[in-house]
Amino acid sequence: MTPRPTSRLLTLPAAVLLALVILWNVAFSLSAAFPVSTFGILIRVLIWPAALALLVVSAFVFLAYQPRRALILPAILLSTLPLQWSFGATLALQARLAFIRPQLMAEVQRIHAAALTGVHTSGGDIRVEYTASPLLPPIAFIDGGLLDNWCGYVYDPTNTLDNLANHSPLPDPAAQWFGGRMTSARRLGSGWFYCSFT
């Protein structure tokens, strides 16, 4: 039995609405997960005009099928921005962490084993905060940066960041870790965080 024209007119915009909302949130979530680097900034700059184009296209789609509801989709897309910044970026960062966690944990174990023998190691893209804990120090893996601003994955076995992650700005002592001022800490679970520094 073929659907009636009115049913088809309702089904197609609904499908387009769902697809565009998903694409919008995936795009912004992935852009937020890119590191602060030349490549990462370029990707973010390209995603913003693409998102605006998506709003324009979505309005025309609804003008074609639902003229009286042409602004519904852009309004829904804009309303999802706070949600995707809060949850979408975290999911994207967690997904990326899942791929590199074995290598990072190997470094964590090596540094902690050395700390137990009194040897302090740090250098390159790895920074260690021995003032927080001489034996099990938090470790930062630099993910990208521009000049004095950088971001990266942080493993904190002291649970200090777990208690401070919701504060803005971050209070001391964690704000002074790793030789720079920590401006944000996004909780990823299992002692892992994604932090920004300036």
Protein backbone atom coordinates (compact mmCIF):
# COMPACT_ATOMS: atom_id res chain seq x y z
CA MET A 1 0.00 0.00 0.00
CA THR A 2 1.56 3.29 -1.13
CA PRO A 3 1.69 6.09 1.41
CA ARG A 4 -0.48 9.07 0.91
CA PRO A 5 1.16 12.28 -0.36
CA THR A 6 0.61 14.02 2.98
CA SER A 7 2.36 11.17 4.77
CA ARG A 8 5.28 11.40 2.36
CA LEU A 9 5.53 15.15 2.93
CA LEU A 10 5.84 14.57 6.66
CA THR A 11 8.23 11.59 6.46
CA LEU A 12 10.84 13.16 4.16
CA PRO A 13 11.36 16.35 6.20
CA ALA A 14 11.55 14.26 9.36
CA ALA A 15 14.28 12.09 7.82
CA VAL A 16 16.16 15.16 6.58
CA LEU A 17 15.79 16.76 10.01
CA LEU A 18 17.25 13.73 11.79
CA ALA A 19 20.13 13.36 9.31
CA LEU A 20 21.11 17.03 9.45
CA VAL A 21 20.91 17.20 13.24
CA ILE A 22 23.21 14.16 13.47
CA LEU A 23 25.66 15.60 10.91
CA TRP A 24 25.66 18.99 12.66
CA ASN A 25 26.51 17.49 16.02
CA VAL A 26 29.09 15.05 14.67
CA ALA A 27 30.85 17.87 12.80
CA PHE A 28 31.07 20.15 15.82
CA SER A 29 31.96 17.30 18.17
CA LEU A 30 34.83 16.18 15.95
CA SER A 31 36.02 19.76 15.49
CA ALA A 32 36.13 20.24 19.26
CA ALA A 33 38.21 17.07 19.59
CA PHE A 34 40.91 18.32 17.21
CA PRO A 35 44.02 19.45 19.07
CA VAL A 36 45.06 23.09 19.26
CA SER A 37 47.45 22.99 16.32
CA THR A 38 47.69 24.55 12.89
CA PHE A 39 45.82 21.61 11.35
CA GLY A 40 43.25 21.50 14.14
CA ILE A 41 42.52 25.23 13.90
CA LEU A 42 42.17 24.93 10.11
CA ILE A 43 39.62 22.14 10.50
CA ARG A 44 37.62 24.21 12.99
CA VAL A 45 37.70 27.26 10.72
CA LEU A 46 36.40 25.17 7.81
CA ILE A 47 33.62 23.58 9.86
CA TRP A 48 32.03 26.90 10.89
CA PRO A 49 31.14 28.08 7.34
CA ALA A 50 30.05 24.52 6.53
CA ALA A 51 27.70 24.65 9.52
CA LEU A 52 26.26 27.97 8.38
CA ALA A 53 25.74 26.56 4.90
CA LEU A 54 23.96 23.63 6.53
CA LEU A 55 21.58 26.04 8.23
CA VAL A 56 20.79 27.76 4.93
CA VAL A 57 20.25 24.48 3.10
CA SER A 58 18.05 23.15 5.89
CA ALA A 59 15.86 26.26 5.73
CA PHE A 60 15.40 25.84 1.97
CA VAL A 61 14.58 22.14 2.44
CA PHE A 62 11.81 23.02 4.83
CA LEU A 63 10.65 25.85 2.57
CA ALA A 64 10.18 23.28 -0.18
CA TYR A 65 8.28 20.74 1.90
CA GLN A 66 6.93 22.64 4.90
CA PRO A 67 6.82 26.38 4.06
CA ARG A 68 5.17 27.31 7.36
CA ARG A 69 7.85 25.47 9.34
CA ALA A 70 10.97 26.59 7.49
CA LEU A 71 12.74 27.80 10.63
CA ILE A 72 12.17 24.66 12.68
CA LEU A 73 15.33 22.85 11.58
CA PRO A 74 17.75 25.78 11.98
CA ALA A 75 16.25 26.44 15.41
CA ILE A 76 16.70 22.80 16.44
CA LEU A 77 20.27 22.71 15.13
CA LEU A 78 21.21 25.86 17.03
CA SER A 79 19.55 24.61 20.19
CA THR A 80 21.71 21.47 20.17
CA LEU A 81 24.98 23.45 20.34
CA PRO A 82 25.21 23.51 24.16
CA LEU A 83 24.52 19.76 24.29
CA GLN A 84 27.12 18.81 21.72
CA TRP A 85 29.78 21.06 23.30
CA SER A 86 29.10 19.36 26.63
CA PHE A 87 28.69 15.75 25.52
CA GLY A 88 29.67 15.44 21.85
CA ALA A 89 33.22 16.70 22.27
CA THR A 90 33.70 14.45 25.30
CA LEU A 91 32.58 11.40 23.33
CA ALA A 92 34.90 12.29 20.47
CA LEU A 93 37.84 12.74 22.84
CA GLN A 94 37.02 9.46 24.59
CA ALA A 95 36.92 7.67 21.25
CA ARG A 96 40.33 9.04 20.28
CA LEU A 97 41.73 8.17 23.71
CA ALA A 98 40.55 4.56 23.31
CA PHE A 99 42.89 4.15 20.31
CA ILE A 100 45.99 5.61 21.96
CA ARG A 101 45.42 4.55 25.58
CA PRO A 102 47.67 1.44 25.42
CA GLN A 103 50.67 3.53 24.36
CA LEU A 104 49.91 6.24 26.91
CA MET A 105 49.44 3.74 29.75
CA ALA A 106 52.78 2.13 28.88
CA GLU A 107 54.42 5.53 29.41
CA VAL A 108 52.46 6.06 32.64
CA GLN A 109 53.66 2.73 34.02
CA ARG A 110 57.26 3.45 33.00
CA ILE A 111 57.26 6.90 34.65
CA HIS A 112 55.57 5.64 37.82
CA ALA A 113 58.00 2.73 38.09
CA ALA A 114 60.91 5.16 37.78
CA ALA A 115 59.35 7.47 40.39
CA LEU A 116 59.16 4.59 42.87
CA THR A 117 62.95 4.25 42.60
CA GLY A 118 63.46 8.01 43.05
CA VAL A 119 64.13 8.78 39.37
CA HIS A 120 62.23 11.74 37.92
CA THR A 121 61.78 11.75 34.15
CA SER A 122 60.11 14.27 31.88
CA GLY A 123 60.66 15.66 28.43
CA GLY A 124 59.44 16.02 24.89
CA ASP A 125 55.68 15.80 24.62
CA ILE A 126 55.33 14.34 28.12
CA ARG A 127 55.17 16.49 31.24
CA VAL A 128 55.12 15.11 34.79
CA GLU A 129 53.88 16.91 37.91
CA TYR A 130 55.91 15.46 40.78
CA THR A 131 54.78 18.17 43.21
CA ALA A 132 51.31 16.64 43.21
CA SER A 133 52.61 13.19 44.12
CA PRO A 134 56.28 12.14 44.22
CA LEU A 135 55.48 8.44 43.65
CA LEU A 136 52.34 8.53 41.48
CA PRO A 137 52.51 11.91 39.74
CA PRO A 138 49.96 13.17 37.22
CA ILE A 139 51.23 12.96 33.65
CA ALA A 140 50.32 15.19 30.71
CA PHE A 141 50.66 14.09 27.10
CA ILE A 142 50.79 17.17 24.88
CA ASP A 143 48.28 16.82 22.06
CA GLY A 144 48.95 20.07 20.27
CA GLY A 145 49.65 23.70 20.86
CA LEU A 146 50.31 27.17 19.56
CA LEU A 147 53.04 29.17 21.34
CA ASP A 148 52.31 29.07 25.08
CA ASN A 149 48.85 27.60 24.62
CA TRP A 150 48.62 23.84 24.53
CA CYS A 151 46.23 21.01 25.32
CA GLY A 152 46.56 17.33 25.99
CA TYR A 153 45.46 14.17 27.72
CA VAL A 154 46.22 14.09 31.44
CA TYR A 155 46.31 11.00 33.63
CA ASP A 156 45.79 11.94 37.27
CA PRO A 157 45.97 9.10 39.83
CA THR A 158 45.74 11.62 42.69
CA ASN A 159 42.03 12.36 41.99
CA THR A 160 42.77 16.07 42.32
CA LEU A 161 41.37 16.91 38.89
CA ASP A 162 38.36 14.68 39.48
CA ASN A 163 37.33 17.00 42.30
CA LEU A 164 38.09 20.21 40.38
CA ALA A 165 36.96 19.40 36.84
CA ASN A 166 33.66 21.27 37.15
CA HIS A 167 35.24 24.49 38.40
CA SER A 168 35.82 27.41 36.05
CA PRO A 169 38.45 28.72 36.27
CA LEU A 170 40.32 25.83 37.86
CA PRO A 171 41.60 26.62 41.36
CA ASP A 172 45.09 25.90 42.68
CA PRO A 173 47.03 23.69 43.00
CA ALA A 174 45.98 21.96 39.79
CA ALA A 175 45.78 25.25 37.90
CA GLN A 176 49.58 25.57 38.26
CA TRP A 177 50.48 22.05 37.12
CA PHE A 178 52.84 21.23 34.25
CA GLY A 179 54.52 24.63 34.04
CA GLY A 180 51.52 26.55 32.77
CA ARG A 181 48.10 27.70 33.87
CA MET A 182 45.44 25.03 33.38
CA THR A 183 42.29 26.73 32.08
CA SER A 184 39.96 23.74 31.69
CA ALA A 185 39.75 20.04 32.46
CA ARG A 186 37.26 17.78 30.70
CA ARG A 187 36.62 14.53 32.57
CA LEU A 188 36.98 11.42 30.33
CA GLY A 189 36.77 8.70 32.97
CA SER A 190 39.17 6.22 34.59
CA GLY A 191 41.48 8.99 35.77
CA TRP A 192 41.85 10.57 32.32
CA PHE A 193 41.14 14.21 31.47
CA TYR A 194 41.54 16.48 28.48
CA CYS A 195 43.04 19.76 29.65
CA SER A 196 43.86 23.14 28.13
CA PHE A 197 46.74 25.34 29.25
CA THR A 198 47.89 28.87 28.68
